[in-house]
Amino acid sequence: MKTVLTVVATLGAMMLSGCAGIGTINRAATPTDLFVLTPKSTFDSGLPRLSQQIVVEEPTATAAVDTDQIAVHPTPLQVEYLPRVRWVDRAPLIVQALLIESFENSGKVAAVGRSTVGLRPDYTIVTDVREFQALLPESEDKDAPLVIHVRLNIKVVDSFRDQIIGSSSFEEEVLAKSDENLDIAQAFDEALGRTMRQSVEWSIRKIYGHAQKNPRPQLR
């Protein structure tokens, strides 16, 4: 009888162990939500038209931002990441691609692209992603939605003279509608869209003004 009880107990332990293993597999198999962001497509119709070629370099960012994970700052000195949710690429690469497309969507730029495509730029856009994270709201309500914070520093470089002709930062904060992943992603999209519109319009005006005062020498 004692032997039978021992066997039953062993089988029971094995079954429980098996269930735990299946649970772990199921959790690992749970798909991660992937999110994309969108370029800006509406701009001031009064923007000047550029004949110059522009290259948008890959933005720089801290290690906390240079990732495909969505960063959250519980406090100014802490960084965490939302579980089971990611961007489709690293944040700086997403910003670079969307800036290029946004310049194109303005309809005011003759040619724009990455440096890797072999363009000989007249001007180069150098971007530093200073902020690209969600913040816990300053509220005692634990269920309060996150605040999305995006800040881009843009430098315009005269590639002919290798000289910075302008530098400015553009910053936006947007309150997520809820703590659902989709609402958080949409708030990121809105905040980034606003900063990109400001960045593109400022860059085009800065390049136009500089080019008017500094025409390129004619090649013979």
N, C-alpha and C. Protein backbone atom coordinates (compact mmCIF):
# COMPACT_ATOMS: atom_id res chain seq x y z
N MET A 1 0.84 -1.21 0.00
CA MET A 1 0.00 0.00 0.00
C MET A 1 0.87 1.26 0.00
N LYS A 2 1.94 1.15 0.79
CA LYS A 2 2.84 2.29 0.88
C LYS A 2 3.48 2.57 -0.48
N THR A 3 3.81 1.48 -1.21
CA THR A 3 4.41 1.64 -2.52
C THR A 3 3.46 2.31 -3.49
N VAL A 4 2.18 1.91 -3.44
CA VAL A 4 1.16 2.51 -4.32
C VAL A 4 1.02 3.99 -4.06
N LEU A 5 0.99 4.40 -2.79
CA LEU A 5 0.86 5.81 -2.45
C LEU A 5 2.06 6.61 -2.95
N THR A 6 3.22 5.96 -2.86
CA THR A 6 4.44 6.65 -3.33
C THR A 6 4.38 6.89 -4.82
N VAL A 7 3.91 5.87 -5.58
CA VAL A 7 3.80 6.01 -7.03
C VAL A 7 2.80 7.09 -7.41
N VAL A 8 1.64 7.09 -6.72
CA VAL A 8 0.62 8.10 -6.99
C VAL A 8 1.14 9.50 -6.72
N ALA A 9 1.87 9.64 -5.63
CA ALA A 9 2.42 10.95 -5.29
C ALA A 9 3.44 11.41 -6.34
N THR A 10 4.25 10.46 -6.80
CA THR A 10 5.25 10.80 -7.82
C THR A 10 4.60 11.23 -9.12
N LEU A 11 3.55 10.47 -9.53
CA LEU A 11 2.83 10.81 -10.75
C LEU A 11 2.19 12.19 -10.64
N GLY A 12 1.63 12.44 -9.45
CA GLY A 12 0.99 13.74 -9.24
C GLY A 12 1.99 14.88 -9.36
N ALA A 13 3.20 14.67 -8.80
CA ALA A 13 4.23 15.70 -8.89
C ALA A 13 4.66 15.93 -10.32
N MET A 14 4.76 14.79 -11.10
CA MET A 14 5.15 14.90 -12.50
C MET A 14 4.10 15.66 -13.29
N MET A 15 2.81 15.40 -13.00
CA MET A 15 1.74 16.09 -13.71
C MET A 15 1.76 17.58 -13.42
N LEU A 16 2.00 17.93 -12.12
CA LEU A 16 2.06 19.35 -11.77
C LEU A 16 3.24 20.02 -12.45
N SER A 17 4.38 19.30 -12.49
CA SER A 17 5.55 19.83 -13.15
C SER A 17 5.29 20.04 -14.63
N GLY A 18 4.58 19.10 -15.24
CA GLY A 18 4.24 19.21 -16.65
C GLY A 18 3.35 20.39 -16.92
N CYS A 19 2.37 20.61 -16.04
CA CYS A 19 1.46 21.75 -16.20
C CYS A 19 2.23 23.07 -16.12
N ALA A 20 3.18 23.14 -15.16
CA ALA A 20 3.97 24.36 -15.02
C ALA A 20 4.79 24.59 -16.28
N GLY A 21 5.32 23.51 -16.84
CA GLY A 21 6.10 23.64 -18.06
C GLY A 21 5.26 24.12 -19.22
N ILE A 22 4.05 23.60 -19.35
CA ILE A 22 3.15 24.03 -20.41
C ILE A 22 2.79 25.50 -20.24
N GLY A 23 2.58 25.91 -18.99
CA GLY A 23 2.27 27.32 -18.75
C GLY A 23 3.39 28.23 -19.18
N THR A 24 4.62 27.81 -18.91
CA THR A 24 5.78 28.61 -19.31
C THR A 24 5.87 28.71 -20.82
N ILE A 25 5.64 27.59 -21.51
CA ILE A 25 5.66 27.58 -22.97
C ILE A 25 4.58 28.49 -23.53
N ASN A 26 3.39 28.43 -22.95
CA ASN A 26 2.29 29.27 -23.43
C ASN A 26 2.60 30.75 -23.27
N ARG A 27 3.23 31.09 -22.13
CA ARG A 27 3.58 32.50 -21.91
C ARG A 27 4.65 32.95 -22.91
N ALA A 28 5.60 32.07 -23.15
CA ALA A 28 6.67 32.41 -24.10
C ALA A 28 6.13 32.56 -25.51
N ALA A 29 5.06 31.79 -25.81
CA ALA A 29 4.49 31.82 -27.15
C ALA A 29 3.53 32.98 -27.36
N THR A 30 3.20 33.72 -26.28
CA THR A 30 2.29 34.85 -26.42
C THR A 30 2.92 35.90 -27.33
N PRO A 31 2.26 36.28 -28.41
CA PRO A 31 2.88 37.20 -29.38
C PRO A 31 3.12 38.58 -28.79
N THR A 32 4.20 39.20 -29.21
CA THR A 32 4.52 40.56 -28.83
C THR A 32 3.81 41.53 -29.77
N ASP A 33 3.20 42.57 -29.21
CA ASP A 33 2.56 43.59 -30.04
C ASP A 33 3.65 44.44 -30.69
N LEU A 34 3.60 44.56 -32.01
CA LEU A 34 4.54 45.39 -32.76
C LEU A 34 3.83 46.64 -33.26
N PHE A 35 4.48 47.79 -33.13
CA PHE A 35 3.86 49.04 -33.54
C PHE A 35 4.77 49.83 -34.47
N VAL A 36 4.16 50.48 -35.44
CA VAL A 36 4.85 51.40 -36.33
C VAL A 36 4.38 52.82 -36.01
N LEU A 37 5.13 53.79 -36.49
CA LEU A 37 4.75 55.19 -36.37
C LEU A 37 4.64 55.77 -37.78
N THR A 38 3.99 56.91 -37.91
CA THR A 38 3.68 57.43 -39.24
C THR A 38 4.38 58.75 -39.51
N PRO A 39 4.69 59.03 -40.78
CA PRO A 39 5.32 60.31 -41.13
C PRO A 39 4.29 61.43 -41.09
N LYS A 40 4.80 62.65 -41.08
CA LYS A 40 3.92 63.82 -41.15
C LYS A 40 3.63 64.12 -42.61
N SER A 41 2.40 64.49 -42.89
CA SER A 41 2.01 64.74 -44.28
C SER A 41 1.38 66.11 -44.50
N THR A 42 1.16 66.88 -43.46
CA THR A 42 0.57 68.22 -43.60
C THR A 42 1.56 69.27 -43.11
N PHE A 43 1.80 70.28 -43.96
CA PHE A 43 2.77 71.31 -43.64
C PHE A 43 2.25 72.67 -44.07
N ASP A 44 2.91 73.71 -43.59
CA ASP A 44 2.57 75.07 -43.97
C ASP A 44 2.73 75.23 -45.48
N SER A 45 1.66 75.63 -46.15
CA SER A 45 1.70 75.77 -47.61
C SER A 45 2.63 76.89 -48.06
N GLY A 46 3.00 77.76 -47.14
CA GLY A 46 3.87 78.89 -47.49
C GLY A 46 5.35 78.56 -47.41
N LEU A 47 5.71 77.30 -47.18
CA LEU A 47 7.12 76.94 -47.12
C LEU A 47 7.81 77.21 -48.44
N PRO A 48 9.04 77.70 -48.43
CA PRO A 48 9.77 77.91 -49.68
C PRO A 48 10.18 76.57 -50.30
N ARG A 49 10.41 76.58 -51.60
CA ARG A 49 10.82 75.36 -52.31
C ARG A 49 12.35 75.34 -52.41
N LEU A 50 12.93 74.16 -52.12
CA LEU A 50 14.38 74.00 -52.16
C LEU A 50 14.81 73.25 -53.41
N SER A 51 15.91 73.68 -54.00
CA SER A 51 16.52 72.94 -55.11
C SER A 51 17.71 72.12 -54.62
N GLN A 52 18.09 72.32 -53.37
CA GLN A 52 19.25 71.64 -52.81
C GLN A 52 18.92 70.20 -52.40
N GLN A 53 19.95 69.35 -52.41
CA GLN A 53 19.80 67.97 -51.95
C GLN A 53 20.10 67.89 -50.46
N ILE A 54 19.30 67.07 -49.77
CA ILE A 54 19.41 66.93 -48.31
C ILE A 54 19.65 65.47 -47.96
N VAL A 55 20.54 65.25 -47.01
CA VAL A 55 20.75 63.92 -46.44
C VAL A 55 20.36 63.97 -44.96
N VAL A 56 19.59 62.99 -44.53
CA VAL A 56 19.20 62.86 -43.12
C VAL A 56 20.02 61.73 -42.52
N GLU A 57 20.93 62.06 -41.62
CA GLU A 57 21.76 61.04 -40.99
C GLU A 57 20.96 60.25 -39.96
N GLU A 58 21.46 59.05 -39.63
CA GLU A 58 20.82 58.27 -38.57
C GLU A 58 20.95 59.04 -37.26
N PRO A 59 19.86 59.28 -36.56
CA PRO A 59 19.93 60.04 -35.31
C PRO A 59 20.74 59.34 -34.24
N THR A 60 21.33 60.14 -33.37
CA THR A 60 21.99 59.61 -32.18
C THR A 60 20.98 59.57 -31.04
N ALA A 61 21.27 58.72 -30.05
CA ALA A 61 20.39 58.59 -28.89
C ALA A 61 21.13 57.84 -27.79
N THR A 62 20.68 57.99 -26.57
CA THR A 62 21.26 57.23 -25.47
C THR A 62 20.86 55.76 -25.60
N ALA A 63 21.56 54.89 -24.87
CA ALA A 63 21.26 53.46 -24.92
C ALA A 63 19.84 53.17 -24.47
N ALA A 64 19.29 53.99 -23.59
CA ALA A 64 17.92 53.78 -23.11
C ALA A 64 16.89 53.98 -24.21
N VAL A 65 17.22 54.82 -25.19
CA VAL A 65 16.31 55.13 -26.30
C VAL A 65 16.66 54.33 -27.55
N ASP A 66 17.94 54.01 -27.73
CA ASP A 66 18.40 53.33 -28.94
C ASP A 66 18.05 51.84 -28.87
N THR A 67 16.77 51.54 -28.95
CA THR A 67 16.25 50.19 -28.79
C THR A 67 14.89 50.11 -29.46
N ASP A 68 14.41 48.87 -29.66
CA ASP A 68 13.06 48.71 -30.19
C ASP A 68 12.03 48.55 -29.08
N GLN A 69 12.47 48.68 -27.84
CA GLN A 69 11.54 48.60 -26.71
C GLN A 69 10.97 49.97 -26.39
N ILE A 70 9.79 49.97 -25.80
CA ILE A 70 9.12 51.23 -25.45
C ILE A 70 9.47 51.58 -24.01
N ALA A 71 10.21 52.67 -23.86
CA ALA A 71 10.74 53.05 -22.56
C ALA A 71 9.71 53.79 -21.72
N VAL A 72 9.75 53.52 -20.41
CA VAL A 72 8.92 54.22 -19.44
C VAL A 72 9.82 54.68 -18.30
N HIS A 73 9.66 55.94 -17.88
CA HIS A 73 10.42 56.47 -16.75
C HIS A 73 9.51 56.58 -15.53
N PRO A 74 9.59 55.63 -14.58
CA PRO A 74 8.80 55.76 -13.35
C PRO A 74 9.23 56.99 -12.54
N THR A 75 10.53 57.29 -12.58
CA THR A 75 11.10 58.49 -11.96
C THR A 75 12.13 59.03 -12.93
N PRO A 76 12.60 60.26 -12.74
CA PRO A 76 13.59 60.81 -13.65
C PRO A 76 14.88 59.99 -13.73
N LEU A 77 15.16 59.17 -12.72
CA LEU A 77 16.41 58.41 -12.70
C LEU A 77 16.23 56.93 -13.00
N GLN A 78 15.03 56.51 -13.37
CA GLN A 78 14.76 55.10 -13.64
C GLN A 78 14.26 54.92 -15.07
N VAL A 79 14.63 53.78 -15.64
CA VAL A 79 14.13 53.42 -16.97
C VAL A 79 13.63 51.98 -16.92
N GLU A 80 12.40 51.79 -17.39
CA GLU A 80 11.83 50.47 -17.53
C GLU A 80 11.25 50.36 -18.94
N TYR A 81 10.80 49.17 -19.29
CA TYR A 81 10.24 48.97 -20.64
C TYR A 81 8.91 48.23 -20.55
N LEU A 82 7.98 48.63 -21.41
CA LEU A 82 6.68 47.97 -21.42
C LEU A 82 6.85 46.51 -21.84
N PRO A 83 6.19 45.58 -21.15
CA PRO A 83 6.33 44.16 -21.50
C PRO A 83 5.51 43.80 -22.74
N ARG A 84 6.04 42.86 -23.52
CA ARG A 84 5.34 42.28 -24.66
C ARG A 84 4.85 43.32 -25.66
N VAL A 85 5.64 44.36 -25.83
CA VAL A 85 5.31 45.37 -26.85
C VAL A 85 6.61 45.99 -27.34
N ARG A 86 6.72 46.17 -28.65
CA ARG A 86 7.95 46.71 -29.24
C ARG A 86 7.63 47.56 -30.45
N TRP A 87 8.60 48.43 -30.81
CA TRP A 87 8.56 49.09 -32.11
C TRP A 87 9.05 48.10 -33.16
N VAL A 88 8.78 48.36 -34.42
CA VAL A 88 9.22 47.45 -35.47
C VAL A 88 10.72 47.58 -35.73
N ASP A 89 11.34 48.63 -35.20
CA ASP A 89 12.78 48.83 -35.38
C ASP A 89 13.28 49.68 -34.22
N ARG A 90 14.58 49.91 -34.18
CA ARG A 90 15.13 50.80 -33.16
C ARG A 90 14.58 52.21 -33.36
N ALA A 91 14.34 52.89 -32.27
CA ALA A 91 13.72 54.21 -32.33
C ALA A 91 14.48 55.19 -33.22
N PRO A 92 15.82 55.29 -33.16
CA PRO A 92 16.51 56.24 -34.05
C PRO A 92 16.30 55.94 -35.53
N LEU A 93 16.27 54.66 -35.91
CA LEU A 93 16.04 54.31 -37.31
C LEU A 93 14.63 54.67 -37.74
N ILE A 94 13.67 54.49 -36.84
CA ILE A 94 12.29 54.88 -37.14
C ILE A 94 12.21 56.39 -37.37
N VAL A 95 12.84 57.16 -36.48
CA VAL A 95 12.81 58.62 -36.62
C VAL A 95 13.48 59.04 -37.92
N GLN A 96 14.60 58.43 -38.28
CA GLN A 96 15.28 58.78 -39.53
C GLN A 96 14.38 58.54 -40.74
N ALA A 97 13.79 57.34 -40.81
CA ALA A 97 12.93 57.00 -41.94
C ALA A 97 11.73 57.94 -42.03
N LEU A 98 11.14 58.28 -40.90
CA LEU A 98 9.96 59.14 -40.90
C LEU A 98 10.31 60.59 -41.23
N LEU A 99 11.49 61.05 -40.81
CA LEU A 99 11.92 62.40 -41.17
C LEU A 99 12.12 62.50 -42.68
N ILE A 100 12.76 61.49 -43.28
CA ILE A 100 12.96 61.49 -44.73
C ILE A 100 11.62 61.54 -45.45
N GLU A 101 10.70 60.69 -45.03
CA GLU A 101 9.39 60.66 -45.68
C GLU A 101 8.62 61.96 -45.44
N SER A 102 8.79 62.55 -44.27
CA SER A 102 8.11 63.81 -43.98
C SER A 102 8.66 64.94 -44.86
N PHE A 103 9.99 64.98 -45.05
CA PHE A 103 10.57 65.97 -45.97
C PHE A 103 9.99 65.78 -47.37
N GLU A 104 9.89 64.53 -47.81
CA GLU A 104 9.32 64.25 -49.13
C GLU A 104 7.86 64.69 -49.19
N ASN A 105 7.10 64.42 -48.12
CA ASN A 105 5.68 64.77 -48.10
C ASN A 105 5.43 66.28 -48.11
N SER A 106 6.45 67.04 -47.72
CA SER A 106 6.27 68.50 -47.74
C SER A 106 6.12 69.02 -49.16
N GLY A 107 6.66 68.27 -50.13
CA GLY A 107 6.61 68.71 -51.53
C GLY A 107 7.50 69.90 -51.82
N LYS A 108 8.42 70.23 -50.91
CA LYS A 108 9.26 71.42 -51.07
C LYS A 108 10.75 71.10 -51.21
N VAL A 109 11.09 69.81 -51.26
CA VAL A 109 12.49 69.42 -51.30
C VAL A 109 12.78 68.66 -52.59
N ALA A 110 13.83 69.07 -53.30
CA ALA A 110 14.15 68.44 -54.58
C ALA A 110 14.58 66.99 -54.41
N ALA A 111 15.44 66.73 -53.42
CA ALA A 111 15.92 65.37 -53.20
C ALA A 111 16.33 65.22 -51.74
N VAL A 112 15.93 64.11 -51.13
CA VAL A 112 16.28 63.84 -49.74
C VAL A 112 16.44 62.33 -49.58
N GLY A 113 17.41 61.94 -48.76
CA GLY A 113 17.62 60.51 -48.55
C GLY A 113 18.65 60.27 -47.46
N ARG A 114 19.05 59.00 -47.31
CA ARG A 114 20.09 58.62 -46.36
C ARG A 114 21.46 58.82 -46.99
N SER A 115 22.47 58.92 -46.15
CA SER A 115 23.84 59.06 -46.66
C SER A 115 24.30 57.78 -47.35
N THR A 116 23.70 56.65 -46.99
CA THR A 116 24.13 55.37 -47.56
C THR A 116 23.72 55.20 -49.02
N VAL A 117 22.83 56.03 -49.54
CA VAL A 117 22.40 55.88 -50.93
C VAL A 117 23.32 56.59 -51.90
N GLY A 118 24.37 57.26 -51.40
CA GLY A 118 25.35 57.88 -52.28
C GLY A 118 25.03 59.28 -52.72
N LEU A 119 24.07 59.93 -52.10
CA LEU A 119 23.77 61.32 -52.43
C LEU A 119 24.93 62.23 -52.04
N ARG A 120 25.19 63.24 -52.88
CA ARG A 120 26.16 64.27 -52.52
C ARG A 120 25.35 65.46 -52.01
N PRO A 121 25.17 65.55 -50.70
CA PRO A 121 24.23 66.53 -50.17
C PRO A 121 24.78 67.95 -50.19
N ASP A 122 23.87 68.88 -50.36
CA ASP A 122 24.18 70.28 -50.13
C ASP A 122 24.07 70.59 -48.64
N TYR A 123 23.09 69.94 -48.00
CA TYR A 123 22.88 70.13 -46.57
C TYR A 123 22.60 68.78 -45.91
N THR A 124 23.01 68.66 -44.66
CA THR A 124 22.82 67.43 -43.89
C THR A 124 22.02 67.74 -42.63
N ILE A 125 21.03 66.89 -42.36
CA ILE A 125 20.24 67.02 -41.14
C ILE A 125 20.79 66.05 -40.11
N VAL A 126 21.26 66.59 -39.00
CA VAL A 126 21.82 65.79 -37.91
C VAL A 126 20.85 65.86 -36.73
N THR A 127 20.36 64.71 -36.32
CA THR A 127 19.31 64.67 -35.30
C THR A 127 19.79 63.91 -34.07
N ASP A 128 19.45 64.44 -32.91
CA ASP A 128 19.69 63.74 -31.64
C ASP A 128 18.33 63.54 -30.97
N VAL A 129 17.97 62.27 -30.74
CA VAL A 129 16.71 61.97 -30.06
C VAL A 129 16.95 62.10 -28.57
N ARG A 130 16.57 63.23 -28.01
CA ARG A 130 16.86 63.52 -26.60
C ARG A 130 15.85 62.85 -25.66
N GLU A 131 14.60 62.82 -26.08
CA GLU A 131 13.55 62.20 -25.25
C GLU A 131 12.65 61.38 -26.17
N PHE A 132 12.35 60.15 -25.74
CA PHE A 132 11.44 59.30 -26.52
C PHE A 132 10.92 58.22 -25.57
N GLN A 133 10.10 58.64 -24.61
CA GLN A 133 9.64 57.72 -23.59
C GLN A 133 8.30 58.16 -23.00
N ALA A 134 7.73 57.24 -22.25
CA ALA A 134 6.51 57.55 -21.50
C ALA A 134 6.89 57.91 -20.06
N LEU A 135 6.16 58.83 -19.48
CA LEU A 135 6.40 59.26 -18.11
C LEU A 135 5.18 58.94 -17.25
N LEU A 136 5.43 58.55 -16.02
CA LEU A 136 4.31 58.40 -15.09
C LEU A 136 3.80 59.78 -14.74
N PRO A 137 2.48 59.98 -14.78
CA PRO A 137 1.94 61.32 -14.49
C PRO A 137 2.17 61.71 -13.04
N GLU A 138 2.26 63.00 -12.82
CA GLU A 138 2.41 63.50 -11.45
C GLU A 138 1.04 63.53 -10.78
N SER A 139 0.58 62.33 -10.43
CA SER A 139 -0.76 62.18 -9.86
C SER A 139 -0.75 61.03 -8.87
N GLU A 140 -1.59 61.11 -7.85
CA GLU A 140 -1.70 60.03 -6.87
C GLU A 140 -2.56 58.89 -7.41
N ASP A 141 -3.24 59.12 -8.52
CA ASP A 141 -4.07 58.10 -9.14
C ASP A 141 -3.18 57.10 -9.89
N LYS A 142 -3.11 55.88 -9.40
CA LYS A 142 -2.25 54.86 -10.00
C LYS A 142 -2.72 54.45 -11.39
N ASP A 143 -4.00 54.71 -11.70
CA ASP A 143 -4.55 54.34 -13.00
C ASP A 143 -4.50 55.49 -14.01
N ALA A 144 -3.88 56.59 -13.63
CA ALA A 144 -3.79 57.73 -14.55
C ALA A 144 -2.96 57.33 -15.76
N PRO A 145 -3.34 57.78 -16.97
CA PRO A 145 -2.61 57.40 -18.19
C PRO A 145 -1.21 58.00 -18.24
N LEU A 146 -0.37 57.41 -19.07
CA LEU A 146 1.00 57.86 -19.21
C LEU A 146 1.10 59.15 -20.03
N VAL A 147 2.15 59.90 -19.79
CA VAL A 147 2.46 61.09 -20.57
C VAL A 147 3.60 60.74 -21.52
N ILE A 148 3.40 60.92 -22.81
CA ILE A 148 4.42 60.61 -23.80
C ILE A 148 5.26 61.86 -24.07
N HIS A 149 6.58 61.71 -23.97
CA HIS A 149 7.49 62.84 -24.10
C HIS A 149 8.46 62.57 -25.24
N VAL A 150 8.47 63.47 -26.24
CA VAL A 150 9.37 63.36 -27.39
C VAL A 150 10.09 64.68 -27.55
N ARG A 151 11.42 64.60 -27.68
CA ARG A 151 12.21 65.82 -27.93
C ARG A 151 13.31 65.50 -28.92
N LEU A 152 13.36 66.26 -30.00
CA LEU A 152 14.38 66.12 -31.03
C LEU A 152 15.23 67.37 -31.08
N ASN A 153 16.55 67.19 -31.12
CA ASN A 153 17.45 68.31 -31.40
C ASN A 153 17.90 68.18 -32.85
N ILE A 154 17.69 69.23 -33.62
CA ILE A 154 18.00 69.22 -35.05
C ILE A 154 19.13 70.21 -35.34
N LYS A 155 20.14 69.73 -36.05
CA LYS A 155 21.21 70.60 -36.54
C LYS A 155 21.24 70.52 -38.06
N VAL A 156 21.32 71.66 -38.72
CA VAL A 156 21.46 71.72 -40.17
C VAL A 156 22.90 72.07 -40.49
N VAL A 157 23.53 71.21 -41.30
CA VAL A 157 24.94 71.38 -41.63
C VAL A 157 25.08 71.72 -43.10
N ASP A 158 25.83 72.80 -43.40
CA ASP A 158 26.21 73.12 -44.76
C ASP A 158 27.31 72.12 -45.14
N SER A 159 26.97 71.14 -45.97
CA SER A 159 27.91 70.07 -46.29
C SER A 159 29.08 70.57 -47.15
N PHE A 160 28.88 71.66 -47.89
CA PHE A 160 29.95 72.21 -48.73
C PHE A 160 31.05 72.82 -47.88
N ARG A 161 30.64 73.52 -46.81
CA ARG A 161 31.62 74.18 -45.93
C ARG A 161 31.84 73.40 -44.64
N ASP A 162 31.08 72.30 -44.45
CA ASP A 162 31.17 71.49 -43.22
C ASP A 162 30.97 72.38 -41.99
N GLN A 163 29.84 73.11 -42.01
CA GLN A 163 29.57 74.11 -40.98
C GLN A 163 28.12 74.03 -40.54
N ILE A 164 27.89 74.04 -39.23
CA ILE A 164 26.53 74.06 -38.70
C ILE A 164 25.94 75.45 -38.91
N ILE A 165 24.80 75.51 -39.58
CA ILE A 165 24.18 76.81 -39.84
C ILE A 165 22.98 77.08 -38.93
N GLY A 166 22.57 76.08 -38.17
CA GLY A 166 21.45 76.27 -37.27
C GLY A 166 21.23 75.05 -36.38
N SER A 167 20.75 75.29 -35.17
CA SER A 167 20.46 74.21 -34.24
C SER A 167 19.24 74.60 -33.40
N SER A 168 18.32 73.67 -33.25
CA SER A 168 17.12 73.95 -32.47
C SER A 168 16.51 72.65 -31.95
N SER A 169 15.79 72.74 -30.84
CA SER A 169 15.13 71.58 -30.26
C SER A 169 13.62 71.74 -30.36
N PHE A 170 12.95 70.62 -30.59
CA PHE A 170 11.49 70.60 -30.72
C PHE A 170 10.95 69.52 -29.79
N GLU A 171 9.96 69.91 -29.00
CA GLU A 171 9.53 69.05 -27.90
C GLU A 171 8.01 69.04 -27.79
N GLU A 172 7.46 67.86 -27.53
CA GLU A 172 6.02 67.73 -27.34
C GLU A 172 5.73 66.70 -26.26
N GLU A 173 4.64 66.93 -25.52
CA GLU A 173 4.13 65.95 -24.56
C GLU A 173 2.66 65.69 -24.88
N VAL A 174 2.28 64.42 -24.92
CA VAL A 174 0.91 64.03 -25.24
C VAL A 174 0.44 63.02 -24.20
N LEU A 175 -0.76 63.22 -23.70
CA LEU A 175 -1.33 62.31 -22.71
C LEU A 175 -2.00 61.14 -23.42
N ALA A 176 -1.59 59.93 -23.08
CA ALA A 176 -2.23 58.74 -23.66
C ALA A 176 -3.67 58.64 -23.16
N LYS A 177 -4.57 58.16 -24.02
CA LYS A 177 -5.97 58.06 -23.65
C LYS A 177 -6.21 57.00 -22.58
N SER A 178 -5.36 55.97 -22.56
CA SER A 178 -5.48 54.91 -21.56
C SER A 178 -4.13 54.22 -21.46
N ASP A 179 -4.05 53.19 -20.62
CA ASP A 179 -2.81 52.44 -20.51
C ASP A 179 -2.76 51.25 -21.47
N GLU A 180 -3.71 51.19 -22.42
CA GLU A 180 -3.66 50.16 -23.43
C GLU A 180 -2.51 50.44 -24.41
N ASN A 181 -1.89 49.36 -24.88
CA ASN A 181 -0.72 49.52 -25.75
C ASN A 181 -1.01 50.37 -26.99
N LEU A 182 -2.18 50.16 -27.60
CA LEU A 182 -2.53 50.91 -28.81
C LEU A 182 -2.64 52.40 -28.51
N ASP A 183 -3.25 52.75 -27.39
CA ASP A 183 -3.40 54.16 -27.04
C ASP A 183 -2.05 54.80 -26.74
N ILE A 184 -1.14 54.04 -26.13
CA ILE A 184 0.20 54.55 -25.85
C ILE A 184 0.94 54.78 -27.16
N ALA A 185 0.84 53.83 -28.10
CA ALA A 185 1.50 53.97 -29.40
C ALA A 185 0.93 55.17 -30.16
N GLN A 186 -0.36 55.36 -30.10
CA GLN A 186 -0.98 56.50 -30.80
C GLN A 186 -0.52 57.83 -30.21
N ALA A 187 -0.31 57.87 -28.89
CA ALA A 187 0.19 59.09 -28.26
C ALA A 187 1.63 59.37 -28.70
N PHE A 188 2.45 58.32 -28.81
CA PHE A 188 3.80 58.48 -29.36
C PHE A 188 3.73 59.04 -30.78
N ASP A 189 2.82 58.49 -31.57
CA ASP A 189 2.69 58.92 -32.96
C ASP A 189 2.32 60.39 -33.05
N GLU A 190 1.42 60.83 -32.19
CA GLU A 190 1.01 62.24 -32.19
C GLU A 190 2.14 63.15 -31.75
N ALA A 191 2.84 62.76 -30.68
CA ALA A 191 3.93 63.60 -30.17
C ALA A 191 5.07 63.68 -31.18
N LEU A 192 5.44 62.54 -31.77
CA LEU A 192 6.51 62.55 -32.77
C LEU A 192 6.09 63.33 -34.01
N GLY A 193 4.83 63.17 -34.42
CA GLY A 193 4.34 63.89 -35.60
C GLY A 193 4.45 65.39 -35.44
N ARG A 194 4.10 65.88 -34.27
CA ARG A 194 4.19 67.32 -34.02
C ARG A 194 5.63 67.81 -34.08
N THR A 195 6.54 67.07 -33.45
CA THR A 195 7.94 67.49 -33.44
C THR A 195 8.53 67.41 -34.85
N MET A 196 8.13 66.40 -35.62
CA MET A 196 8.66 66.28 -36.99
C MET A 196 8.17 67.42 -37.87
N ARG A 197 6.91 67.80 -37.72
CA ARG A 197 6.42 68.93 -38.53
C ARG A 197 7.22 70.18 -38.22
N GLN A 198 7.42 70.48 -36.95
CA GLN A 198 8.19 71.65 -36.57
C GLN A 198 9.63 71.55 -37.08
N SER A 199 10.22 70.35 -36.96
CA SER A 199 11.60 70.14 -37.38
C SER A 199 11.76 70.34 -38.88
N VAL A 200 10.86 69.77 -39.67
CA VAL A 200 10.94 69.86 -41.12
C VAL A 200 10.74 71.30 -41.58
N GLU A 201 9.72 71.96 -41.06
CA GLU A 201 9.46 73.34 -41.48
C GLU A 201 10.61 74.26 -41.11
N TRP A 202 11.14 74.11 -39.91
CA TRP A 202 12.27 74.94 -39.48
C TRP A 202 13.50 74.67 -40.35
N SER A 203 13.77 73.40 -40.64
CA SER A 203 14.94 73.03 -41.44
C SER A 203 14.85 73.60 -42.86
N ILE A 204 13.68 73.49 -43.47
CA ILE A 204 13.50 74.00 -44.84
C ILE A 204 13.72 75.52 -44.87
N ARG A 205 13.16 76.22 -43.93
CA ARG A 205 13.33 77.68 -43.89
C ARG A 205 14.78 78.05 -43.62
N LYS A 206 15.43 77.30 -42.74
CA LYS A 206 16.84 77.59 -42.42
C LYS A 206 17.73 77.36 -43.65
N ILE A 207 17.49 76.26 -44.36
CA ILE A 207 18.29 75.96 -45.56
C ILE A 207 18.03 77.00 -46.65
N TYR A 208 16.77 77.36 -46.85
CA TYR A 208 16.43 78.32 -47.90
C TYR A 208 17.11 79.67 -47.63
N GLY A 209 17.01 80.13 -46.40
CA GLY A 209 17.62 81.42 -46.07
C GLY A 209 19.13 81.39 -46.23
N HIS A 210 19.75 80.31 -45.82
CA HIS A 210 21.21 80.21 -45.94
C HIS A 210 21.63 80.11 -47.40
N ALA A 211 20.90 79.32 -48.19
CA ALA A 211 21.25 79.14 -49.61
C ALA A 211 21.10 80.44 -50.39
N GLN A 212 20.13 81.26 -50.02
CA GLN A 212 19.94 82.54 -50.71
C GLN A 212 21.14 83.47 -50.49
N LYS A 213 21.71 83.38 -49.29
CA LYS A 213 22.83 84.27 -48.95
C LYS A 213 24.17 83.65 -49.33
N ASN A 214 24.20 82.35 -49.56
CA ASN A 214 25.46 81.66 -49.83
C ASN A 214 25.32 80.74 -51.05
N PRO A 215 25.20 81.33 -52.24
CA PRO A 215 25.06 80.49 -53.45
C PRO A 215 26.30 79.66 -53.67
N ARG A 216 26.09 78.44 -54.21
CA ARG A 216 27.21 77.57 -54.50
C ARG A 216 28.01 78.09 -55.68
N PRO A 217 29.32 77.94 -55.65
CA PRO A 217 30.12 78.35 -56.82
C PRO A 217 29.80 77.47 -58.02
N GLN A 218 29.82 78.07 -59.19
CA GLN A 218 29.51 77.33 -60.41
C GLN A 218 30.69 76.45 -60.81
N LEU A 219 30.40 75.17 -61.06
CA LEU A 219 31.45 74.25 -61.48
C LEU A 219 31.71 74.40 -62.96
N ARG A 220 32.97 74.33 -63.39
CA ARG A 220 33.32 74.45 -64.79
C ARG A 220 33.81 73.10 -65.34
